[in-house]
N, C-alpha and C. Protein backbone atom coordinates (compact mmCIF):
# COMPACT_ATOMS: atom_id res chain seq x y z
N MET A 1 78.83 23.19 57.73
CA MET A 1 79.68 24.20 57.08
C MET A 1 78.79 25.21 56.37
N ALA A 2 79.13 26.51 56.51
CA ALA A 2 78.34 27.56 55.87
C ALA A 2 78.47 27.49 54.36
N VAL A 3 77.38 27.77 53.68
CA VAL A 3 77.37 27.78 52.22
C VAL A 3 77.55 29.21 51.76
N ALA A 4 78.46 29.44 50.84
CA ALA A 4 78.71 30.80 50.34
C ALA A 4 77.47 31.35 49.66
N GLU A 5 77.24 32.63 49.86
CA GLU A 5 76.10 33.30 49.23
C GLU A 5 76.33 33.40 47.72
N PRO A 6 75.33 33.08 46.91
CA PRO A 6 75.50 33.18 45.46
C PRO A 6 75.90 34.59 45.05
N ILE A 7 76.76 34.68 44.03
CA ILE A 7 77.28 35.97 43.58
C ILE A 7 76.16 36.93 43.20
N GLY A 8 75.14 36.43 42.49
CA GLY A 8 74.05 37.28 42.04
C GLY A 8 73.30 37.90 43.20
N VAL A 9 73.03 37.09 44.23
CA VAL A 9 72.31 37.58 45.40
C VAL A 9 73.17 38.59 46.14
N ARG A 10 74.46 38.26 46.29
CA ARG A 10 75.35 39.15 47.02
C ARG A 10 75.45 40.51 46.34
N SER A 11 75.60 40.52 45.04
CA SER A 11 75.74 41.77 44.33
C SER A 11 74.46 42.60 44.38
N GLN A 12 73.31 41.94 44.32
CA GLN A 12 72.04 42.67 44.44
C GLN A 12 71.88 43.25 45.84
N SER A 13 72.30 42.51 46.84
CA SER A 13 72.23 43.00 48.21
C SER A 13 73.13 44.22 48.38
N GLU A 14 74.33 44.17 47.80
CA GLU A 14 75.25 45.31 47.87
C GLU A 14 74.66 46.52 47.15
N GLU A 15 74.06 46.28 46.01
CA GLU A 15 73.46 47.39 45.25
C GLU A 15 72.31 48.00 46.04
N ALA A 16 71.47 47.15 46.62
CA ALA A 16 70.35 47.66 47.41
C ALA A 16 70.86 48.49 48.58
N TYR A 17 71.89 47.98 49.25
CA TYR A 17 72.46 48.71 50.38
C TYR A 17 72.97 50.09 49.94
N ALA A 18 73.75 50.12 48.87
CA ALA A 18 74.34 51.38 48.41
C ALA A 18 73.27 52.40 48.02
N ARG A 19 72.23 51.93 47.36
CA ARG A 19 71.21 52.87 46.87
C ARG A 19 70.30 53.36 47.99
N ILE A 20 69.98 52.49 48.94
CA ILE A 20 69.16 52.93 50.08
C ILE A 20 69.99 53.84 50.98
N LEU A 21 71.26 53.48 51.17
CA LEU A 21 72.16 54.32 51.96
C LEU A 21 72.22 55.73 51.39
N GLU A 22 72.35 55.85 50.09
CA GLU A 22 72.42 57.16 49.44
C GLU A 22 71.15 57.96 49.72
N ARG A 23 70.00 57.31 49.68
CA ARG A 23 68.73 58.00 49.95
C ARG A 23 68.65 58.48 51.39
N ILE A 24 69.16 57.68 52.31
CA ILE A 24 69.11 58.05 53.73
C ILE A 24 70.09 59.18 54.01
N VAL A 25 71.32 59.03 53.54
CA VAL A 25 72.36 60.02 53.81
C VAL A 25 72.01 61.37 53.21
N SER A 26 71.43 61.36 52.00
CA SER A 26 71.08 62.61 51.32
C SER A 26 69.77 63.22 51.82
N LEU A 27 69.12 62.54 52.78
CA LEU A 27 67.86 62.98 53.38
C LEU A 27 66.67 62.85 52.43
N GLU A 28 66.86 62.16 51.28
CA GLU A 28 65.71 61.84 50.43
C GLU A 28 64.73 60.98 51.23
N MET A 29 65.28 60.10 52.08
CA MET A 29 64.49 59.40 53.08
C MET A 29 64.84 60.08 54.41
N PRO A 30 64.02 61.04 54.85
CA PRO A 30 64.40 61.88 55.99
C PRO A 30 64.34 61.14 57.33
N PRO A 31 65.03 61.66 58.34
CA PRO A 31 64.97 61.07 59.68
C PRO A 31 63.54 60.90 60.15
N GLY A 32 63.23 59.73 60.71
CA GLY A 32 61.90 59.45 61.23
C GLY A 32 60.91 58.93 60.22
N SER A 33 61.27 58.93 58.93
CA SER A 33 60.32 58.48 57.90
C SER A 33 60.18 56.96 57.87
N VAL A 34 59.05 56.51 57.39
CA VAL A 34 58.78 55.07 57.29
C VAL A 34 59.54 54.50 56.09
N VAL A 35 60.12 53.33 56.28
CA VAL A 35 60.79 52.62 55.19
C VAL A 35 59.77 51.67 54.58
N ASN A 36 59.36 51.96 53.35
CA ASN A 36 58.35 51.16 52.67
C ASN A 36 59.06 50.16 51.75
N GLU A 37 59.11 48.90 52.18
CA GLU A 37 59.84 47.89 51.43
C GLU A 37 59.27 47.68 50.03
N ALA A 38 57.96 47.67 49.92
CA ALA A 38 57.33 47.44 48.61
C ALA A 38 57.69 48.56 47.64
N ARG A 39 57.67 49.79 48.13
CA ARG A 39 58.02 50.92 47.27
C ARG A 39 59.49 50.84 46.85
N LEU A 40 60.36 50.47 47.78
CA LEU A 40 61.78 50.32 47.44
C LEU A 40 61.99 49.25 46.38
N ARG A 41 61.26 48.15 46.50
CA ARG A 41 61.39 47.08 45.49
C ARG A 41 60.99 47.60 44.12
N ASP A 42 59.89 48.35 44.07
CA ASP A 42 59.41 48.89 42.79
C ASP A 42 60.37 49.93 42.22
N GLU A 43 60.83 50.84 43.06
CA GLU A 43 61.67 51.94 42.58
C GLU A 43 63.08 51.49 42.23
N LEU A 44 63.62 50.56 43.00
CA LEU A 44 64.99 50.10 42.76
C LEU A 44 65.04 48.90 41.82
N GLN A 45 63.88 48.28 41.58
CA GLN A 45 63.82 47.07 40.74
C GLN A 45 64.75 45.99 41.28
N ILE A 46 64.68 45.80 42.59
CA ILE A 46 65.48 44.80 43.29
C ILE A 46 64.53 43.96 44.14
N GLY A 47 64.81 42.67 44.27
CA GLY A 47 63.91 41.75 44.94
C GLY A 47 63.82 41.91 46.45
N ARG A 48 62.87 41.18 47.02
CA ARG A 48 62.58 41.27 48.46
C ARG A 48 63.79 40.90 49.32
N THR A 49 64.45 39.78 49.01
CA THR A 49 65.55 39.30 49.86
C THR A 49 66.72 40.28 49.90
N PRO A 50 67.22 40.77 48.75
CA PRO A 50 68.31 41.76 48.82
C PRO A 50 67.93 43.04 49.56
N ILE A 51 66.68 43.48 49.40
CA ILE A 51 66.22 44.68 50.10
C ILE A 51 66.26 44.44 51.61
N ARG A 52 65.77 43.29 52.03
CA ARG A 52 65.76 43.00 53.48
C ARG A 52 67.16 42.84 54.04
N GLU A 53 68.04 42.23 53.26
CA GLU A 53 69.43 42.10 53.71
C GLU A 53 70.08 43.49 53.85
N ALA A 54 69.77 44.37 52.89
CA ALA A 54 70.31 45.73 52.95
C ALA A 54 69.79 46.46 54.19
N LEU A 55 68.51 46.30 54.48
CA LEU A 55 67.92 46.98 55.64
C LEU A 55 68.47 46.42 56.95
N GLN A 56 68.76 45.13 56.99
CA GLN A 56 69.38 44.55 58.18
C GLN A 56 70.77 45.15 58.41
N ARG A 57 71.50 45.32 57.33
CA ARG A 57 72.83 45.93 57.43
C ARG A 57 72.72 47.38 57.88
N LEU A 58 71.77 48.11 57.32
CA LEU A 58 71.57 49.51 57.71
C LEU A 58 71.12 49.63 59.17
N ALA A 59 70.39 48.63 59.65
CA ALA A 59 69.98 48.62 61.06
C ALA A 59 71.20 48.43 61.96
N ARG A 60 72.12 47.55 61.54
CA ARG A 60 73.34 47.36 62.32
C ARG A 60 74.18 48.63 62.37
N GLU A 61 74.04 49.46 61.34
CA GLU A 61 74.80 50.71 61.25
C GLU A 61 74.03 51.90 61.82
N ASN A 62 72.88 51.60 62.46
CA ASN A 62 72.07 52.62 63.15
C ASN A 62 71.48 53.67 62.21
N LEU A 63 71.21 53.28 60.98
CA LEU A 63 70.57 54.20 60.04
C LEU A 63 69.08 53.91 59.87
N VAL A 64 68.66 52.71 60.18
CA VAL A 64 67.23 52.38 60.26
C VAL A 64 67.01 51.57 61.54
N ARG A 65 65.75 51.53 61.96
CA ARG A 65 65.42 50.69 63.11
C ARG A 65 64.04 50.09 62.90
N SER A 66 63.87 48.88 63.34
CA SER A 66 62.59 48.19 63.22
C SER A 66 61.89 48.16 64.57
N ILE A 67 60.61 48.51 64.56
CA ILE A 67 59.80 48.49 65.77
C ILE A 67 58.71 47.43 65.57
N PRO A 68 58.67 46.41 66.43
CA PRO A 68 57.68 45.34 66.28
C PRO A 68 56.26 45.88 66.16
N HIS A 69 55.54 45.33 65.18
CA HIS A 69 54.13 45.66 64.93
C HIS A 69 53.92 47.08 64.40
N ARG A 70 55.02 47.81 64.15
CA ARG A 70 54.87 49.16 63.60
C ARG A 70 55.57 49.32 62.26
N GLY A 71 56.76 48.74 62.13
CA GLY A 71 57.47 48.83 60.87
C GLY A 71 58.91 49.26 61.05
N THR A 72 59.53 49.63 59.93
CA THR A 72 60.93 50.06 59.91
C THR A 72 60.98 51.55 59.61
N PHE A 73 61.84 52.26 60.33
CA PHE A 73 61.93 53.71 60.22
C PHE A 73 63.39 54.14 60.06
N VAL A 74 63.58 55.23 59.35
CA VAL A 74 64.89 55.86 59.31
C VAL A 74 65.15 56.47 60.69
N THR A 75 66.34 56.26 61.23
CA THR A 75 66.62 56.76 62.57
C THR A 75 66.63 58.29 62.61
N ASP A 76 66.28 58.82 63.78
CA ASP A 76 66.28 60.26 63.98
C ASP A 76 67.72 60.76 64.12
N VAL A 77 67.86 62.07 64.04
CA VAL A 77 69.14 62.74 64.25
C VAL A 77 68.99 63.58 65.51
N ASN A 78 69.88 63.42 66.48
CA ASN A 78 69.79 64.21 67.70
C ASN A 78 71.18 64.53 68.24
N ILE A 79 71.22 65.45 69.19
CA ILE A 79 72.50 65.92 69.72
C ILE A 79 73.25 64.82 70.46
N THR A 80 72.51 63.95 71.15
CA THR A 80 73.17 62.85 71.87
C THR A 80 73.93 61.96 70.90
N ASP A 81 73.29 61.59 69.80
CA ASP A 81 73.97 60.76 68.80
C ASP A 81 75.16 61.49 68.20
N LEU A 82 75.00 62.78 67.94
CA LEU A 82 76.10 63.57 67.38
C LEU A 82 77.32 63.51 68.30
N ALA A 83 77.11 63.67 69.59
CA ALA A 83 78.22 63.63 70.55
C ALA A 83 78.89 62.27 70.56
N ARG A 84 78.09 61.21 70.51
CA ARG A 84 78.65 59.86 70.56
C ARG A 84 79.42 59.53 69.28
N ILE A 85 78.88 59.95 68.14
CA ILE A 85 79.57 59.73 66.87
C ILE A 85 80.92 60.46 66.89
N THR A 86 80.90 61.70 67.40
CA THR A 86 82.13 62.49 67.44
C THR A 86 83.15 61.86 68.36
N GLU A 87 82.72 61.31 69.48
CA GLU A 87 83.65 60.65 70.40
C GLU A 87 84.43 59.54 69.70
N VAL A 88 83.75 58.81 68.83
CA VAL A 88 84.40 57.74 68.10
C VAL A 88 85.29 58.30 66.99
N ARG A 89 84.72 59.22 66.21
CA ARG A 89 85.43 59.73 65.04
C ARG A 89 86.70 60.48 65.42
N VAL A 90 86.65 61.28 66.48
CA VAL A 90 87.80 62.12 66.79
C VAL A 90 89.03 61.27 67.12
N VAL A 91 88.82 60.12 67.72
CA VAL A 91 89.93 59.23 68.04
C VAL A 91 90.38 58.44 66.81
N LEU A 92 89.42 57.80 66.13
CA LEU A 92 89.79 56.92 65.03
C LEU A 92 90.24 57.67 63.78
N GLU A 93 89.60 58.81 63.50
CA GLU A 93 90.01 59.59 62.33
C GLU A 93 91.42 60.15 62.53
N ALA A 94 91.70 60.63 63.74
CA ALA A 94 93.03 61.16 64.01
C ALA A 94 94.08 60.05 63.89
N HIS A 95 93.75 58.86 64.37
CA HIS A 95 94.68 57.73 64.26
C HIS A 95 94.90 57.35 62.80
N ALA A 96 93.82 57.37 62.02
CA ALA A 96 93.95 57.05 60.59
C ALA A 96 94.85 58.07 59.88
N ALA A 97 94.69 59.35 60.23
CA ALA A 97 95.53 60.38 59.62
C ALA A 97 97.00 60.16 59.97
N ARG A 98 97.25 59.78 61.22
CA ARG A 98 98.63 59.50 61.65
C ARG A 98 99.19 58.30 60.88
N LEU A 99 98.41 57.23 60.79
CA LEU A 99 98.87 56.04 60.07
C LEU A 99 99.12 56.35 58.59
N ALA A 100 98.23 57.14 58.01
CA ALA A 100 98.41 57.50 56.60
C ALA A 100 99.73 58.23 56.40
N ALA A 101 100.05 59.15 57.30
CA ALA A 101 101.31 59.89 57.20
C ALA A 101 102.51 58.96 57.31
N GLU A 102 102.35 57.90 58.07
CA GLU A 102 103.46 56.98 58.32
C GLU A 102 103.59 55.89 57.25
N LYS A 103 102.47 55.59 56.55
CA LYS A 103 102.45 54.43 55.66
C LYS A 103 102.28 54.77 54.18
N LEU A 104 102.37 56.04 53.82
CA LEU A 104 102.08 56.46 52.45
C LEU A 104 102.85 55.65 51.41
N THR A 105 102.12 55.12 50.44
CA THR A 105 102.75 54.51 49.28
C THR A 105 102.85 55.55 48.17
N THR A 106 103.51 55.21 47.12
CA THR A 106 103.60 56.13 45.98
C THR A 106 102.22 56.43 45.40
N ALA A 107 101.39 55.40 45.30
CA ALA A 107 100.03 55.59 44.77
C ALA A 107 99.20 56.47 45.70
N ASP A 108 99.34 56.25 47.01
CA ASP A 108 98.63 57.09 47.98
C ASP A 108 99.04 58.55 47.82
N ARG A 109 100.35 58.76 47.72
CA ARG A 109 100.90 60.11 47.61
C ARG A 109 100.36 60.83 46.37
N GLU A 110 100.32 60.13 45.26
CA GLU A 110 99.83 60.74 44.02
C GLU A 110 98.35 61.11 44.14
N ALA A 111 97.57 60.21 44.75
CA ALA A 111 96.14 60.47 44.89
C ALA A 111 95.88 61.64 45.84
N LEU A 112 96.61 61.69 46.95
CA LEU A 112 96.45 62.80 47.91
C LEU A 112 96.89 64.12 47.31
N GLN A 113 97.96 64.09 46.54
CA GLN A 113 98.44 65.32 45.89
C GLN A 113 97.42 65.85 44.89
N GLU A 114 96.77 64.94 44.21
CA GLU A 114 95.74 65.35 43.24
C GLU A 114 94.59 66.08 43.93
N LEU A 115 94.17 65.57 45.11
CA LEU A 115 93.12 66.24 45.86
C LEU A 115 93.60 67.58 46.41
N LEU A 116 94.84 67.62 46.86
CA LEU A 116 95.39 68.88 47.36
C LEU A 116 95.43 69.93 46.25
N ASP A 117 95.80 69.52 45.05
CA ASP A 117 95.84 70.45 43.93
C ASP A 117 94.45 71.03 43.64
N LEU A 118 93.41 70.21 43.76
CA LEU A 118 92.05 70.70 43.57
C LEU A 118 91.71 71.78 44.59
N LEU A 119 92.11 71.54 45.83
CA LEU A 119 91.85 72.53 46.89
C LEU A 119 92.59 73.84 46.62
N LEU A 120 93.84 73.72 46.22
CA LEU A 120 94.68 74.91 46.07
C LEU A 120 94.38 75.71 44.81
N HIS A 121 93.70 75.07 43.85
CA HIS A 121 93.45 75.76 42.58
C HIS A 121 91.98 76.14 42.39
N GLY A 122 91.28 76.31 43.52
CA GLY A 122 89.95 76.90 43.46
C GLY A 122 88.83 75.99 43.01
N TYR A 123 88.99 74.65 43.17
CA TYR A 123 87.91 73.74 42.77
C TYR A 123 86.67 73.97 43.63
N VAL A 124 86.87 74.24 44.91
CA VAL A 124 85.75 74.36 45.84
C VAL A 124 85.19 75.78 45.79
N THR A 125 83.96 75.90 45.30
CA THR A 125 83.31 77.20 45.22
C THR A 125 82.04 77.30 46.05
N ASP A 126 81.53 76.16 46.52
CA ASP A 126 80.34 76.17 47.37
C ASP A 126 80.35 74.95 48.28
N GLN A 127 79.30 74.86 49.11
CA GLN A 127 79.22 73.78 50.10
C GLN A 127 79.17 72.40 49.45
N ARG A 128 78.48 72.28 48.33
CA ARG A 128 78.37 70.96 47.69
C ARG A 128 79.72 70.50 47.15
N ASP A 129 80.49 71.42 46.57
CA ASP A 129 81.85 71.08 46.14
C ASP A 129 82.67 70.59 47.33
N LEU A 130 82.55 71.33 48.45
CA LEU A 130 83.31 70.98 49.64
C LEU A 130 82.92 69.60 50.16
N MET A 131 81.60 69.33 50.17
CA MET A 131 81.14 68.02 50.65
C MET A 131 81.70 66.90 49.79
N GLN A 132 81.65 67.05 48.48
CA GLN A 132 82.15 66.01 47.58
C GLN A 132 83.64 65.77 47.77
N LEU A 133 84.39 66.86 47.90
CA LEU A 133 85.84 66.71 48.05
C LEU A 133 86.18 66.18 49.43
N ASP A 134 85.43 66.61 50.43
CA ASP A 134 85.65 66.11 51.79
C ASP A 134 85.48 64.59 51.84
N GLN A 135 84.44 64.08 51.17
CA GLN A 135 84.23 62.63 51.13
C GLN A 135 85.44 61.92 50.52
N GLN A 136 85.93 62.45 49.42
CA GLN A 136 87.09 61.84 48.75
C GLN A 136 88.31 61.87 49.65
N ILE A 137 88.52 62.99 50.34
CA ILE A 137 89.69 63.14 51.20
C ILE A 137 89.64 62.14 52.36
N HIS A 138 88.51 62.11 53.06
CA HIS A 138 88.41 61.20 54.20
C HIS A 138 88.58 59.74 53.78
N ARG A 139 87.90 59.36 52.71
CA ARG A 139 87.97 57.95 52.31
C ARG A 139 89.36 57.57 51.80
N LEU A 140 90.04 58.50 51.18
CA LEU A 140 91.42 58.23 50.74
C LEU A 140 92.35 58.11 51.94
N ILE A 141 92.13 58.93 52.95
CA ILE A 141 92.94 58.82 54.17
C ILE A 141 92.70 57.46 54.83
N TYR A 142 91.44 57.02 54.88
CA TYR A 142 91.15 55.70 55.47
C TYR A 142 91.93 54.62 54.72
N ARG A 143 91.88 54.66 53.39
CA ARG A 143 92.58 53.64 52.60
C ARG A 143 94.09 53.73 52.80
N SER A 144 94.58 54.95 52.93
CA SER A 144 96.03 55.16 53.06
C SER A 144 96.57 54.70 54.41
N ALA A 145 95.67 54.48 55.37
CA ALA A 145 96.09 53.94 56.67
C ALA A 145 96.43 52.45 56.56
N HIS A 146 95.94 51.81 55.50
CA HIS A 146 96.23 50.41 55.20
C HIS A 146 95.88 49.47 56.36
N ASN A 147 94.68 49.70 56.90
CA ASN A 147 94.12 48.83 57.93
C ASN A 147 92.66 48.63 57.59
N PRO A 148 92.29 47.51 56.96
CA PRO A 148 90.91 47.33 56.49
C PRO A 148 89.88 47.33 57.61
N PHE A 149 90.26 46.93 58.81
CA PHE A 149 89.31 46.94 59.93
C PHE A 149 89.02 48.37 60.36
N LEU A 150 90.06 49.17 60.42
CA LEU A 150 89.88 50.59 60.74
C LEU A 150 89.08 51.29 59.64
N GLU A 151 89.38 50.98 58.39
CA GLU A 151 88.69 51.60 57.26
C GLU A 151 87.19 51.32 57.29
N SER A 152 86.82 50.06 57.52
CA SER A 152 85.39 49.71 57.52
C SER A 152 84.66 50.37 58.68
N THR A 153 85.30 50.47 59.83
CA THR A 153 84.68 51.13 60.99
C THR A 153 84.50 52.62 60.71
N LEU A 154 85.52 53.26 60.17
CA LEU A 154 85.43 54.68 59.87
C LEU A 154 84.38 54.97 58.80
N GLU A 155 84.27 54.10 57.83
CA GLU A 155 83.28 54.29 56.77
C GLU A 155 81.88 54.33 57.36
N ARG A 156 81.64 53.45 58.30
CA ARG A 156 80.32 53.40 58.95
C ARG A 156 80.00 54.71 59.66
N TYR A 157 80.94 55.22 60.44
CA TYR A 157 80.68 56.45 61.19
C TYR A 157 80.70 57.68 60.29
N PHE A 158 81.45 57.61 59.21
CA PHE A 158 81.45 58.72 58.27
C PHE A 158 80.09 58.85 57.60
N ASN A 159 79.45 57.74 57.27
CA ASN A 159 78.11 57.79 56.68
C ASN A 159 77.12 58.47 57.62
N LEU A 160 77.22 58.18 58.92
CA LEU A 160 76.35 58.82 59.90
C LEU A 160 76.61 60.34 59.93
N SER A 161 77.87 60.71 59.86
CA SER A 161 78.22 62.14 59.88
C SER A 161 77.80 62.85 58.60
N LEU A 162 77.90 62.13 57.49
CA LEU A 162 77.54 62.73 56.20
C LEU A 162 76.06 63.09 56.18
N ARG A 163 75.24 62.26 56.77
CA ARG A 163 73.80 62.57 56.84
C ARG A 163 73.60 63.86 57.64
N LEU A 164 74.38 64.05 58.70
CA LEU A 164 74.27 65.27 59.48
C LEU A 164 74.66 66.49 58.66
N TRP A 165 75.67 66.32 57.79
CA TRP A 165 76.13 67.46 56.98
C TRP A 165 75.03 67.92 56.03
N TYR A 166 74.25 67.01 55.52
CA TYR A 166 73.15 67.41 54.63
C TYR A 166 72.17 68.34 55.34
N LEU A 167 72.08 68.25 56.66
CA LEU A 167 71.18 69.12 57.41
C LEU A 167 71.62 70.58 57.33
N VAL A 168 72.93 70.81 57.14
CA VAL A 168 73.45 72.18 57.16
C VAL A 168 73.98 72.60 55.79
N LEU A 169 73.64 71.83 54.77
CA LEU A 169 74.27 72.01 53.47
C LEU A 169 74.07 73.41 52.90
N ASP A 170 72.93 73.99 53.13
CA ASP A 170 72.63 75.29 52.52
C ASP A 170 72.84 76.47 53.48
N ARG A 171 73.49 76.20 54.59
CA ARG A 171 73.77 77.28 55.54
C ARG A 171 75.13 77.91 55.25
N GLU A 172 75.29 79.13 55.70
CA GLU A 172 76.57 79.83 55.52
C GLU A 172 77.61 79.23 56.46
N VAL A 173 78.75 78.86 55.92
CA VAL A 173 79.86 78.39 56.74
C VAL A 173 81.13 79.08 56.26
N GLY A 174 82.18 78.97 57.05
CA GLY A 174 83.45 79.55 56.65
C GLY A 174 84.11 78.69 55.59
N LEU A 175 83.72 78.89 54.34
CA LEU A 175 84.18 78.01 53.26
C LEU A 175 85.70 78.11 53.09
N ARG A 176 86.21 79.33 53.12
CA ARG A 176 87.65 79.52 52.93
C ARG A 176 88.43 78.81 54.04
N GLU A 177 87.95 78.96 55.28
CA GLU A 177 88.61 78.32 56.41
C GLU A 177 88.57 76.80 56.28
N ALA A 178 87.44 76.27 55.82
CA ALA A 178 87.30 74.82 55.66
C ALA A 178 88.26 74.29 54.60
N VAL A 179 88.38 75.03 53.49
CA VAL A 179 89.30 74.63 52.42
C VAL A 179 90.74 74.64 52.94
N ASP A 180 91.09 75.70 53.66
CA ASP A 180 92.45 75.81 54.21
C ASP A 180 92.75 74.66 55.17
N GLU A 181 91.77 74.29 55.99
CA GLU A 181 91.96 73.20 56.95
C GLU A 181 92.19 71.87 56.24
N HIS A 182 91.41 71.61 55.20
CA HIS A 182 91.60 70.38 54.42
C HIS A 182 92.99 70.36 53.78
N ALA A 183 93.39 71.50 53.23
CA ALA A 183 94.71 71.58 52.58
C ALA A 183 95.82 71.35 53.60
N GLU A 184 95.67 71.95 54.77
CA GLU A 184 96.67 71.78 55.83
C GLU A 184 96.79 70.31 56.24
N LEU A 185 95.66 69.63 56.32
CA LEU A 185 95.65 68.20 56.67
C LEU A 185 96.40 67.37 55.64
N LEU A 186 96.08 67.59 54.37
CA LEU A 186 96.74 66.82 53.31
C LEU A 186 98.24 67.11 53.27
N GLN A 187 98.62 68.36 53.48
CA GLN A 187 100.04 68.72 53.47
C GLN A 187 100.79 68.02 54.60
N ALA A 188 100.15 67.92 55.76
CA ALA A 188 100.80 67.24 56.89
C ALA A 188 101.01 65.76 56.59
N ILE A 189 100.00 65.12 56.00
CA ILE A 189 100.13 63.70 55.67
C ILE A 189 101.20 63.50 54.61
N LEU A 190 101.19 64.33 53.60
CA LEU A 190 102.19 64.21 52.52
C LEU A 190 103.60 64.45 53.04
N ALA A 191 103.73 65.26 54.08
CA ALA A 191 105.04 65.53 54.67
C ALA A 191 105.47 64.42 55.63
N GLY A 192 104.58 63.44 55.85
CA GLY A 192 104.90 62.36 56.78
C GLY A 192 104.88 62.78 58.23
N ASP A 193 104.19 63.88 58.54
CA ASP A 193 104.13 64.42 59.90
C ASP A 193 102.89 63.87 60.61
N GLY A 194 103.05 62.72 61.25
CA GLY A 194 101.92 62.06 61.89
C GLY A 194 101.33 62.86 63.03
N ASP A 195 102.18 63.51 63.85
CA ASP A 195 101.68 64.29 64.98
C ASP A 195 100.79 65.43 64.49
N ARG A 196 101.25 66.13 63.47
CA ARG A 196 100.50 67.28 62.95
C ARG A 196 99.21 66.82 62.28
N ALA A 197 99.28 65.73 61.53
CA ALA A 197 98.07 65.20 60.87
C ALA A 197 97.03 64.79 61.91
N ASP A 198 97.48 64.15 62.98
CA ASP A 198 96.60 63.75 64.09
C ASP A 198 95.91 64.98 64.68
N ASP A 199 96.69 66.01 64.97
CA ASP A 199 96.15 67.22 65.59
C ASP A 199 95.15 67.94 64.69
N ILE A 200 95.47 68.07 63.40
CA ILE A 200 94.57 68.76 62.47
C ILE A 200 93.27 67.99 62.31
N MET A 201 93.35 66.67 62.23
CA MET A 201 92.13 65.87 62.07
C MET A 201 91.24 65.99 63.30
N ARG A 202 91.83 66.02 64.49
CA ARG A 202 91.03 66.20 65.70
C ARG A 202 90.28 67.53 65.66
N ARG A 203 90.98 68.58 65.27
CA ARG A 203 90.33 69.89 65.17
C ARG A 203 89.24 69.89 64.11
N HIS A 204 89.50 69.20 63.03
CA HIS A 204 88.54 69.13 61.92
C HIS A 204 87.24 68.45 62.36
N VAL A 205 87.37 67.32 63.03
CA VAL A 205 86.18 66.57 63.45
C VAL A 205 85.40 67.31 64.53
N THR A 206 86.09 67.90 65.50
CA THR A 206 85.38 68.62 66.56
C THR A 206 84.76 69.91 66.02
N GLY A 207 85.40 70.54 65.04
CA GLY A 207 84.82 71.72 64.42
C GLY A 207 83.54 71.39 63.67
N PHE A 208 83.54 70.24 63.00
CA PHE A 208 82.35 69.77 62.31
C PHE A 208 81.21 69.59 63.30
N GLU A 209 81.52 68.99 64.46
CA GLU A 209 80.47 68.78 65.46
C GLU A 209 79.88 70.11 65.92
N ARG A 210 80.71 71.12 66.13
CA ARG A 210 80.19 72.42 66.59
C ARG A 210 79.19 73.00 65.60
N GLU A 211 79.51 72.90 64.30
CA GLU A 211 78.60 73.45 63.28
C GLU A 211 77.26 72.71 63.28
N ILE A 212 77.32 71.39 63.36
CA ILE A 212 76.08 70.59 63.34
C ILE A 212 75.28 70.84 64.61
N ARG A 213 75.97 70.94 65.73
CA ARG A 213 75.28 71.16 67.01
C ARG A 213 74.45 72.44 66.98
N LYS A 214 75.00 73.50 66.39
CA LYS A 214 74.27 74.77 66.29
C LYS A 214 72.93 74.57 65.59
N VAL A 215 72.94 73.79 64.50
CA VAL A 215 71.73 73.57 63.73
C VAL A 215 70.72 72.73 64.51
N LEU A 216 71.20 71.68 65.17
CA LEU A 216 70.29 70.81 65.90
C LEU A 216 69.65 71.55 67.08
N VAL A 217 70.39 72.46 67.68
CA VAL A 217 69.83 73.24 68.80
C VAL A 217 68.72 74.15 68.31
N GLU A 218 68.87 74.64 67.07
CA GLU A 218 67.88 75.58 66.52
C GLU A 218 66.63 74.89 65.98
N ARG A 219 66.71 73.56 65.75
CA ARG A 219 65.57 72.86 65.13
C ARG A 219 64.38 72.79 66.06
């Protein structure tokens, strides 16, 4: 019989995962860079075992990879991966938006309305504001679908996409159009219109891919 992991070890492993993930997604640990376990232990003040468990999890999520006799590296970003990530996201994100529209609870509705109000009242003034609000919107939609298996899968692919967004963070984009699209999505979900929410989310995800693709082609 399997023995449950001690709470202390589990929580340290989760903390290590979250903090290393943040460094990778934000490009503080850039694509292709070496993952130095000793440095991570010193900087995060977390032990060897939790760090290794976190890196194993990140490897399963395709954010790091280990090469025998060479070490562990942050995975590269390329157009092929972008296309594959989008193939998954466009289907699952659209389905999550549809489910959210169909399954909204009172708490879900209040939380979504709060985010919609931020969009409509000028909260988003630059790309970083948009990125922060976009994360909240997507993750709230995942939760509002009320399917933990779908939520965990989407979270994994969203992290991969978020790292791509950091590549274009300081580039000019149609900010007004992006805000309007997010607002339209939330309004469709709040109205219980699953078909419309599905369609808007598909457009949203494929539009994101087009913007990232332009940057990767230019690199």
